N, C-alpha and C. Protein backbone atom coordinates (compact mmCIF):
# COMPACT_ATOMS: atom_id res chain seq x y z
N MET A 1 51.72 -88.58 -88.09
CA MET A 1 52.76 -88.29 -89.00
C MET A 1 53.25 -86.56 -88.77
N LEU A 2 52.37 -85.86 -87.72
CA LEU A 2 52.09 -84.17 -87.59
C LEU A 2 53.32 -84.24 -86.93
N LYS A 3 53.95 -83.44 -87.04
CA LYS A 3 54.81 -82.92 -86.13
C LYS A 3 54.98 -82.11 -84.79
N THR A 4 55.47 -83.05 -83.93
CA THR A 4 55.00 -82.37 -82.40
C THR A 4 56.07 -82.42 -81.66
N ALA A 5 56.20 -82.15 -80.57
CA ALA A 5 57.31 -82.37 -79.91
C ALA A 5 58.08 -83.60 -79.62
N ASN A 6 57.38 -84.91 -79.46
CA ASN A 6 57.26 -85.73 -79.64
C ASN A 6 57.91 -86.46 -80.95
N ASN A 7 57.57 -85.89 -81.63
CA ASN A 7 57.65 -86.25 -83.43
C ASN A 7 58.22 -85.51 -84.25
N PRO A 8 59.44 -84.68 -83.97
CA PRO A 8 60.24 -83.36 -84.48
C PRO A 8 60.22 -83.56 -85.67
N GLY A 9 60.09 -84.63 -86.55
CA GLY A 9 60.62 -85.26 -87.83
C GLY A 9 59.47 -85.17 -88.64
N GLY A 10 58.03 -85.04 -88.23
CA GLY A 10 56.70 -85.00 -88.60
C GLY A 10 56.71 -83.79 -89.83
N LEU A 11 54.73 -83.66 -90.11
CA LEU A 11 54.77 -82.80 -91.04
C LEU A 11 54.23 -81.58 -90.52
N PRO A 12 54.51 -80.36 -90.73
CA PRO A 12 53.61 -79.64 -89.97
C PRO A 12 51.68 -79.52 -90.43
N LEU A 13 51.50 -78.89 -89.23
CA LEU A 13 49.52 -79.00 -89.09
C LEU A 13 48.83 -77.85 -90.44
N GLU A 14 49.83 -77.12 -90.95
CA GLU A 14 49.40 -76.37 -91.89
C GLU A 14 49.42 -77.29 -93.02
N VAL A 15 50.04 -78.49 -93.32
CA VAL A 15 50.11 -79.36 -94.53
C VAL A 15 48.59 -79.73 -94.18
N PHE A 16 48.41 -80.47 -93.13
CA PHE A 16 47.21 -81.28 -93.16
C PHE A 16 45.94 -80.29 -93.16
N ASP A 17 46.20 -78.76 -93.07
CA ASP A 17 45.03 -77.78 -93.13
C ASP A 17 44.77 -77.75 -94.62
N GLY A 18 45.51 -77.99 -95.05
CA GLY A 18 45.76 -77.58 -96.54
C GLY A 18 44.83 -78.41 -97.55
N ILE A 19 45.19 -80.09 -97.21
CA ILE A 19 44.32 -80.96 -97.61
C ILE A 19 43.26 -80.63 -97.06
N ARG A 20 43.19 -80.50 -96.19
CA ARG A 20 41.42 -80.64 -95.38
C ARG A 20 40.67 -79.05 -96.46
N ALA A 21 41.20 -77.96 -96.43
CA ALA A 21 41.22 -76.39 -97.37
C ALA A 21 40.66 -77.54 -98.68
N ALA A 22 41.51 -78.11 -99.41
CA ALA A 22 41.15 -78.89 -100.80
C ALA A 22 39.94 -79.53 -100.60
N SER A 23 39.74 -80.66 -99.82
CA SER A 23 38.75 -81.37 -99.73
C SER A 23 37.58 -80.52 -99.43
N PHE A 24 37.50 -79.36 -98.74
CA PHE A 24 36.59 -78.79 -98.96
C PHE A 24 36.00 -77.99 -99.83
N LYS A 25 36.92 -77.38 -100.20
CA LYS A 25 36.70 -76.44 -101.50
C LYS A 25 36.03 -77.26 -102.57
N ASP A 26 36.62 -78.34 -102.78
CA ASP A 26 36.63 -79.18 -104.23
C ASP A 26 37.38 -80.79 -104.36
N ARG A 27 36.79 -81.51 -103.46
CA ARG A 27 37.38 -82.80 -103.09
C ARG A 27 37.72 -83.43 -104.20
N SER A 28 36.57 -83.44 -105.29
CA SER A 28 36.84 -84.05 -106.70
C SER A 28 38.36 -83.61 -107.41
N GLN A 29 38.29 -82.60 -107.18
CA GLN A 29 39.80 -82.25 -108.17
C GLN A 29 40.95 -82.73 -107.26
N LEU A 30 40.64 -82.34 -105.71
CA LEU A 30 41.72 -82.71 -104.69
C LEU A 30 42.25 -84.22 -104.81
N TYR A 31 41.45 -85.16 -105.44
CA TYR A 31 41.71 -86.45 -105.32
C TYR A 31 42.47 -86.83 -107.00
N ARG A 32 42.04 -85.78 -108.09
CA ARG A 32 42.77 -85.90 -109.27
C ARG A 32 43.79 -85.48 -109.37
N ASP A 33 44.18 -84.17 -108.18
CA ASP A 33 45.36 -83.16 -108.01
C ASP A 33 46.59 -84.80 -107.44
N LEU A 34 45.77 -85.32 -106.23
CA LEU A 34 46.46 -86.33 -105.67
C LEU A 34 47.15 -87.51 -106.36
N ALA A 35 46.35 -88.16 -107.16
CA ALA A 35 46.50 -89.23 -107.88
C ALA A 35 47.51 -88.82 -109.06
N SER A 36 47.27 -87.52 -109.98
CA SER A 36 48.11 -87.49 -111.14
C SER A 36 49.44 -86.80 -110.94
N GLY A 37 49.52 -86.35 -109.32
CA GLY A 37 51.10 -85.78 -108.84
C GLY A 37 51.33 -86.75 -107.74
N PRO A 38 51.62 -86.57 -106.59
CA PRO A 38 52.64 -87.18 -105.30
C PRO A 38 51.88 -88.50 -105.18
N CYS A 39 51.02 -88.81 -105.44
CA CYS A 39 50.16 -90.17 -104.75
C CYS A 39 50.93 -91.15 -105.77
N PHE A 40 51.20 -91.76 -107.39
CA PHE A 40 51.58 -91.96 -107.58
C PHE A 40 53.24 -91.91 -108.57
N GLY A 41 53.96 -90.73 -108.04
CA GLY A 41 55.06 -89.98 -108.89
C GLY A 41 55.08 -89.47 -110.05
N PHE A 42 53.67 -89.49 -110.54
CA PHE A 42 53.51 -88.77 -112.00
C PHE A 42 54.09 -87.68 -111.94
N ASN A 43 54.23 -86.92 -111.19
CA ASN A 43 54.80 -85.62 -110.98
C ASN A 43 56.46 -85.33 -111.18
N ARG A 44 57.06 -86.79 -111.10
CA ARG A 44 58.76 -86.99 -111.20
C ARG A 44 58.89 -86.68 -112.95
N PRO A 45 59.90 -86.11 -112.57
CA PRO A 45 60.48 -86.07 -114.15
C PRO A 45 60.61 -87.60 -115.32
N GLY A 46 60.09 -87.82 -115.96
CA GLY A 46 60.52 -88.57 -116.87
C GLY A 46 58.89 -89.87 -116.36
N ALA A 47 58.42 -89.52 -115.50
CA ALA A 47 57.24 -90.35 -115.36
C ALA A 47 55.97 -90.49 -116.11
N LYS A 48 55.66 -91.57 -116.66
CA LYS A 48 54.77 -91.81 -117.45
C LYS A 48 53.43 -92.24 -116.65
N ALA A 49 52.41 -90.78 -116.66
CA ALA A 49 51.12 -91.16 -116.19
C ALA A 49 50.16 -92.40 -116.47
N SER A 50 49.21 -92.77 -115.91
CA SER A 50 48.63 -93.94 -116.33
C SER A 50 47.11 -92.98 -115.68
N GLN A 51 46.70 -92.58 -117.22
CA GLN A 51 45.24 -92.01 -116.61
C GLN A 51 44.49 -93.15 -115.92
N GLY A 52 44.34 -94.41 -116.49
CA GLY A 52 43.39 -95.60 -115.42
C GLY A 52 43.40 -95.97 -113.73
N MET A 53 44.91 -95.46 -113.42
CA MET A 53 45.40 -95.65 -111.95
C MET A 53 44.66 -94.01 -111.30
N ILE A 54 44.90 -92.83 -112.32
CA ILE A 54 44.33 -91.90 -111.64
C ILE A 54 42.95 -92.00 -111.55
N ASP A 55 41.97 -92.17 -112.66
CA ASP A 55 40.89 -92.69 -112.97
C ASP A 55 40.17 -93.19 -112.03
N SER A 56 40.93 -94.40 -111.17
CA SER A 56 40.47 -95.69 -110.51
C SER A 56 40.52 -94.74 -108.99
N PHE A 57 42.04 -93.81 -108.58
CA PHE A 57 41.81 -93.30 -107.31
C PHE A 57 41.47 -92.38 -107.20
N TRP A 58 40.10 -91.41 -108.36
CA TRP A 58 39.50 -90.47 -108.56
C TRP A 58 38.12 -91.51 -107.86
N ALA A 59 37.47 -92.08 -108.24
CA ALA A 59 36.50 -93.24 -108.44
C ALA A 59 36.49 -93.62 -106.66
N GLN A 60 37.23 -94.31 -106.05
CA GLN A 60 38.03 -94.87 -105.17
C GLN A 60 37.23 -93.20 -103.99
N GLY A 61 37.94 -92.45 -103.90
CA GLY A 61 37.75 -91.19 -103.29
C GLY A 61 36.29 -90.77 -103.19
N MET A 62 35.56 -90.68 -104.64
CA MET A 62 34.32 -90.05 -104.64
C MET A 62 33.26 -91.20 -104.05
N GLN A 63 33.43 -92.57 -104.10
CA GLN A 63 32.69 -93.33 -103.44
C GLN A 63 32.65 -93.17 -102.24
N ALA A 64 33.59 -92.56 -101.18
CA ALA A 64 33.34 -92.37 -99.72
C ALA A 64 32.74 -90.85 -99.96
N GLY A 65 32.28 -91.52 -98.10
CA GLY A 65 31.35 -90.27 -97.53
C GLY A 65 32.30 -88.87 -97.25
N HIS A 66 32.20 -87.96 -97.96
CA HIS A 66 32.98 -86.67 -97.78
C HIS A 66 33.21 -86.35 -96.18
N ILE A 67 32.09 -86.88 -95.12
CA ILE A 67 32.85 -86.35 -94.28
C ILE A 67 33.30 -87.62 -93.38
N ASN A 68 33.62 -88.59 -93.98
CA ASN A 68 34.46 -89.62 -93.41
C ASN A 68 35.81 -89.27 -94.08
N THR A 69 36.19 -89.19 -95.16
CA THR A 69 37.27 -88.45 -95.73
C THR A 69 38.19 -87.40 -95.20
N TYR A 70 36.92 -86.39 -95.05
CA TYR A 70 37.88 -85.15 -94.15
C TYR A 70 37.90 -85.42 -92.48
N ALA A 71 37.47 -86.28 -92.44
CA ALA A 71 37.65 -87.11 -90.52
C ALA A 71 39.04 -87.73 -90.73
N CYS A 72 38.98 -88.67 -92.02
CA CYS A 72 40.20 -89.36 -92.00
C CYS A 72 41.74 -88.65 -92.21
N ILE A 73 41.69 -87.55 -92.78
CA ILE A 73 42.56 -86.32 -92.74
C ILE A 73 43.54 -86.51 -91.09
N LYS A 74 42.63 -86.04 -90.36
CA LYS A 74 43.05 -85.61 -89.07
C LYS A 74 43.48 -87.36 -88.12
N ALA A 75 42.46 -88.17 -88.56
CA ALA A 75 43.03 -89.51 -87.79
C ALA A 75 44.37 -90.08 -88.36
N PHE A 76 44.63 -89.66 -89.69
CA PHE A 76 45.62 -90.07 -89.99
C PHE A 76 47.02 -89.57 -90.23
N SER A 77 46.82 -88.20 -89.85
CA SER A 77 47.88 -87.39 -89.08
C SER A 77 47.85 -87.35 -88.12
N GLU A 78 47.18 -87.11 -87.12
CA GLU A 78 47.39 -86.92 -86.05
C GLU A 78 47.23 -87.96 -84.56
N THR A 79 46.90 -88.87 -85.28
CA THR A 79 46.89 -90.49 -84.23
C THR A 79 48.01 -90.58 -83.79
N ASP A 80 48.65 -90.66 -82.82
CA ASP A 80 49.76 -91.17 -82.23
C ASP A 80 50.23 -92.75 -81.87
N PHE A 81 50.50 -93.74 -82.75
CA PHE A 81 50.21 -95.21 -82.31
C PHE A 81 51.80 -96.04 -81.59
N THR A 82 52.68 -95.17 -81.25
CA THR A 82 53.53 -95.37 -80.84
C THR A 82 53.59 -96.03 -79.57
N GLU A 83 52.20 -96.33 -78.61
CA GLU A 83 52.60 -97.66 -77.54
C GLU A 83 51.63 -98.58 -78.09
N ASP A 84 50.59 -98.22 -79.59
CA ASP A 84 50.09 -99.74 -79.57
C ASP A 84 51.30 -100.28 -80.51
N LEU A 85 52.06 -99.82 -81.52
CA LEU A 85 53.13 -100.63 -82.34
C LEU A 85 54.24 -100.89 -81.04
N LYS A 86 54.36 -101.08 -80.32
CA LYS A 86 55.58 -101.13 -78.90
C LYS A 86 54.48 -102.47 -78.98
N LYS A 87 53.41 -103.02 -78.72
CA LYS A 87 53.10 -103.91 -78.05
C LYS A 87 53.12 -105.59 -79.52
N PHE A 88 53.28 -104.93 -80.43
CA PHE A 88 53.37 -105.90 -81.49
C PHE A 88 54.11 -106.90 -81.09
N ASN A 89 53.33 -108.20 -81.67
CA ASN A 89 54.07 -109.80 -80.51
C ASN A 89 54.06 -110.10 -82.18
N VAL A 90 53.81 -110.21 -83.07
CA VAL A 90 53.50 -111.15 -84.06
C VAL A 90 54.38 -111.05 -85.02
N PRO A 91 54.75 -111.82 -86.25
CA PRO A 91 55.90 -111.34 -87.14
C PRO A 91 55.20 -109.81 -88.05
N THR A 92 55.96 -108.87 -87.94
CA THR A 92 55.46 -107.43 -89.31
C THR A 92 56.19 -107.24 -90.15
N LEU A 93 55.60 -107.28 -91.30
CA LEU A 93 56.32 -106.49 -92.33
C LEU A 93 55.95 -104.99 -92.74
N VAL A 94 57.24 -104.02 -92.62
CA VAL A 94 56.67 -102.82 -92.97
C VAL A 94 57.31 -102.69 -94.06
N VAL A 95 56.58 -102.02 -95.23
CA VAL A 95 56.96 -101.72 -96.50
C VAL A 95 56.37 -100.55 -97.70
N HIS A 96 57.52 -99.62 -97.72
CA HIS A 96 57.52 -98.66 -98.16
C HIS A 96 58.03 -97.59 -98.93
N GLY A 97 57.66 -97.13 -99.71
CA GLY A 97 58.50 -96.42 -100.83
C GLY A 97 59.88 -95.27 -100.43
N ASP A 98 60.62 -95.34 -100.90
CA ASP A 98 61.52 -93.79 -100.04
C ASP A 98 61.25 -92.65 -101.35
N ASP A 99 60.53 -92.65 -101.71
CA ASP A 99 59.86 -91.85 -102.95
C ASP A 99 58.30 -90.85 -102.08
N ASP A 100 57.69 -91.49 -101.41
CA ASP A 100 56.78 -91.22 -101.02
C ASP A 100 56.43 -89.78 -100.25
N GLN A 101 55.89 -89.24 -101.66
CA GLN A 101 55.73 -87.32 -101.10
C GLN A 101 54.40 -87.31 -100.57
N VAL A 102 53.45 -88.59 -100.18
CA VAL A 102 52.39 -88.08 -99.60
C VAL A 102 52.70 -88.48 -98.01
N VAL A 103 53.07 -89.59 -97.45
CA VAL A 103 53.64 -90.04 -96.66
C VAL A 103 54.76 -90.30 -96.27
N PRO A 104 55.78 -89.41 -96.14
CA PRO A 104 57.14 -89.40 -96.01
C PRO A 104 57.63 -90.98 -95.05
N ILE A 105 58.62 -91.54 -95.71
CA ILE A 105 59.17 -92.41 -94.89
C ILE A 105 59.39 -92.04 -93.88
N GLY A 106 60.48 -91.19 -93.60
CA GLY A 106 60.90 -90.98 -92.23
C GLY A 106 59.71 -90.66 -90.86
N ALA A 107 58.87 -90.21 -91.51
CA ALA A 107 57.93 -89.89 -90.49
C ALA A 107 56.57 -91.03 -90.24
N SER A 108 57.21 -92.03 -90.77
CA SER A 108 56.06 -93.23 -91.16
C SER A 108 56.70 -94.58 -91.00
N ALA A 109 57.48 -95.23 -91.83
CA ALA A 109 57.75 -96.62 -91.84
C ALA A 109 58.96 -96.51 -91.59
N MET A 110 59.88 -96.15 -91.09
CA MET A 110 61.01 -96.00 -90.19
C MET A 110 60.98 -95.57 -89.03
N MET A 111 59.67 -94.97 -88.16
CA MET A 111 59.19 -95.22 -86.87
C MET A 111 58.82 -96.07 -86.77
N SER A 112 57.87 -96.98 -87.68
CA SER A 112 57.31 -97.83 -87.01
C SER A 112 58.30 -98.99 -87.34
N PHE A 113 59.01 -99.36 -87.90
CA PHE A 113 60.10 -100.58 -87.68
C PHE A 113 61.01 -100.55 -86.57
N LYS A 114 61.27 -99.01 -86.18
CA LYS A 114 61.73 -99.05 -84.94
C LYS A 114 60.75 -99.37 -83.82
N LEU A 115 60.38 -99.47 -83.35
CA LEU A 115 59.29 -99.64 -83.03
C LEU A 115 58.60 -100.77 -82.32
N VAL A 116 58.43 -101.64 -83.42
CA VAL A 116 57.72 -102.76 -83.93
C VAL A 116 58.97 -103.77 -83.63
N LYS A 117 59.01 -104.75 -82.82
CA LYS A 117 60.15 -106.18 -82.38
C LYS A 117 59.99 -106.99 -83.02
N ASN A 118 61.23 -106.81 -83.95
CA ASN A 118 61.22 -107.64 -84.99
C ASN A 118 60.48 -107.71 -85.98
N ALA A 119 60.22 -106.75 -86.64
CA ALA A 119 59.73 -106.15 -87.82
C ALA A 119 60.43 -106.51 -88.79
N LYS A 120 60.14 -106.63 -89.76
CA LYS A 120 61.24 -106.81 -91.08
C LYS A 120 60.77 -105.52 -92.15
N LEU A 121 61.76 -105.10 -92.59
CA LEU A 121 61.32 -103.58 -93.19
C LEU A 121 61.86 -104.04 -94.91
N ILE A 122 61.15 -103.60 -96.07
CA ILE A 122 61.54 -103.35 -97.21
C ILE A 122 61.37 -101.79 -97.46
N VAL A 123 62.58 -101.62 -98.42
CA VAL A 123 62.20 -100.35 -98.72
C VAL A 123 62.42 -100.47 -100.21
N TYR A 124 61.09 -99.71 -100.89
CA TYR A 124 61.53 -99.79 -102.63
C TYR A 124 61.70 -98.54 -102.96
N PRO A 125 63.14 -98.13 -103.49
CA PRO A 125 63.71 -97.25 -103.84
C PRO A 125 63.06 -96.55 -105.41
N GLY A 126 62.60 -95.55 -105.21
CA GLY A 126 61.85 -95.03 -106.24
C GLY A 126 60.56 -94.61 -105.79
N ALA A 127 60.00 -95.65 -104.96
CA ALA A 127 58.33 -96.30 -105.46
C ALA A 127 57.72 -94.87 -104.58
N PRO A 128 56.62 -94.64 -105.13
CA PRO A 128 55.99 -93.21 -104.64
C PRO A 128 54.68 -94.08 -103.41
N HIS A 129 53.66 -93.26 -103.04
CA HIS A 129 52.56 -93.69 -102.13
C HIS A 129 52.02 -94.68 -102.38
N GLY A 130 51.57 -94.95 -103.84
CA GLY A 130 50.10 -95.87 -104.54
C GLY A 130 51.53 -96.90 -104.99
N LEU A 131 52.47 -97.58 -103.94
CA LEU A 131 53.63 -98.38 -104.65
C LEU A 131 52.40 -99.83 -104.81
N THR A 132 51.08 -99.97 -104.18
CA THR A 132 50.37 -101.37 -104.31
C THR A 132 49.81 -101.37 -105.90
N ASP A 133 49.89 -99.83 -106.41
CA ASP A 133 49.51 -100.23 -108.10
C ASP A 133 50.89 -100.01 -108.74
N THR A 134 51.74 -99.32 -108.81
CA THR A 134 52.99 -98.95 -109.39
C THR A 134 54.28 -100.20 -109.30
N HIS A 135 54.11 -100.93 -108.51
CA HIS A 135 54.65 -101.97 -107.97
C HIS A 135 54.41 -103.22 -107.13
N LYS A 136 53.10 -103.30 -107.94
CA LYS A 136 52.61 -104.68 -107.76
C LYS A 136 52.81 -105.54 -107.60
N ASP A 137 53.30 -105.76 -108.84
CA ASP A 137 54.20 -107.38 -108.96
C ASP A 137 55.38 -107.73 -107.42
N LYS A 138 56.13 -106.66 -107.28
CA LYS A 138 57.19 -106.83 -106.54
C LYS A 138 56.57 -107.06 -104.96
N LEU A 139 55.21 -106.08 -104.59
CA LEU A 139 55.16 -106.12 -103.57
C LEU A 139 54.02 -107.81 -103.32
N ASN A 140 53.36 -108.23 -104.36
CA ASN A 140 53.10 -109.40 -104.36
C ASN A 140 53.98 -110.26 -103.98
N ALA A 141 54.81 -110.73 -104.33
CA ALA A 141 55.93 -111.60 -104.04
C ALA A 141 56.54 -111.49 -102.95
N ASP A 142 56.89 -109.83 -102.48
CA ASP A 142 57.33 -109.89 -101.36
C ASP A 142 56.42 -110.29 -100.04
N LEU A 143 55.27 -109.83 -100.20
CA LEU A 143 54.36 -110.36 -99.23
C LEU A 143 54.36 -111.83 -99.18
N LEU A 144 54.37 -112.70 -100.28
CA LEU A 144 54.12 -113.86 -100.35
C LEU A 144 54.95 -114.39 -99.70
N ALA A 145 56.58 -114.25 -100.15
CA ALA A 145 57.48 -114.56 -99.35
C ALA A 145 57.47 -114.22 -97.87
N PHE A 146 57.18 -113.52 -97.32
CA PHE A 146 56.70 -113.24 -95.71
C PHE A 146 56.11 -113.65 -95.16
N ALA A 147 54.65 -113.97 -96.20
CA ALA A 147 53.60 -114.81 -95.71
C ALA A 147 54.33 -116.43 -95.26
N LYS A 148 55.36 -116.73 -96.17
CA LYS A 148 55.55 -118.56 -96.25
C LYS A 148 56.56 -118.53 -95.23
N SER A 149 57.35 -117.29 -94.71
CA SER A 149 58.41 -117.46 -93.44
C SER A 149 58.16 -117.38 -92.55
């Protein structure tokens, strides 16, 4: 996801440095802020926030070790999976929301889809990063259909 010479559409390092700083300063608040805003799209006009989803996201984050979650920021932002993805030789489904404010679709799903041979791409219009919660019925149906295909 990091913007590099090989990935000019990625995000600047400062974005991830900001997440690291917020995690170090007050990770509990970071998880509340992510969940109540961009993760589930609750910061979009007309969105109805689910306190249950916010609380669940926060609880999961707080159960993880701080050093692990802090290190994860580097891992998910700076690991280049290009060569690994090119080696995939099994049916692969790529699912992504086109309103993911946490992991932009262009820097992730679209690149993965191009690299994985014979991958199937499903884009959920308006779906946020947390589409496993916000669009779970559609996702489960799509996963089942893909598994049966």
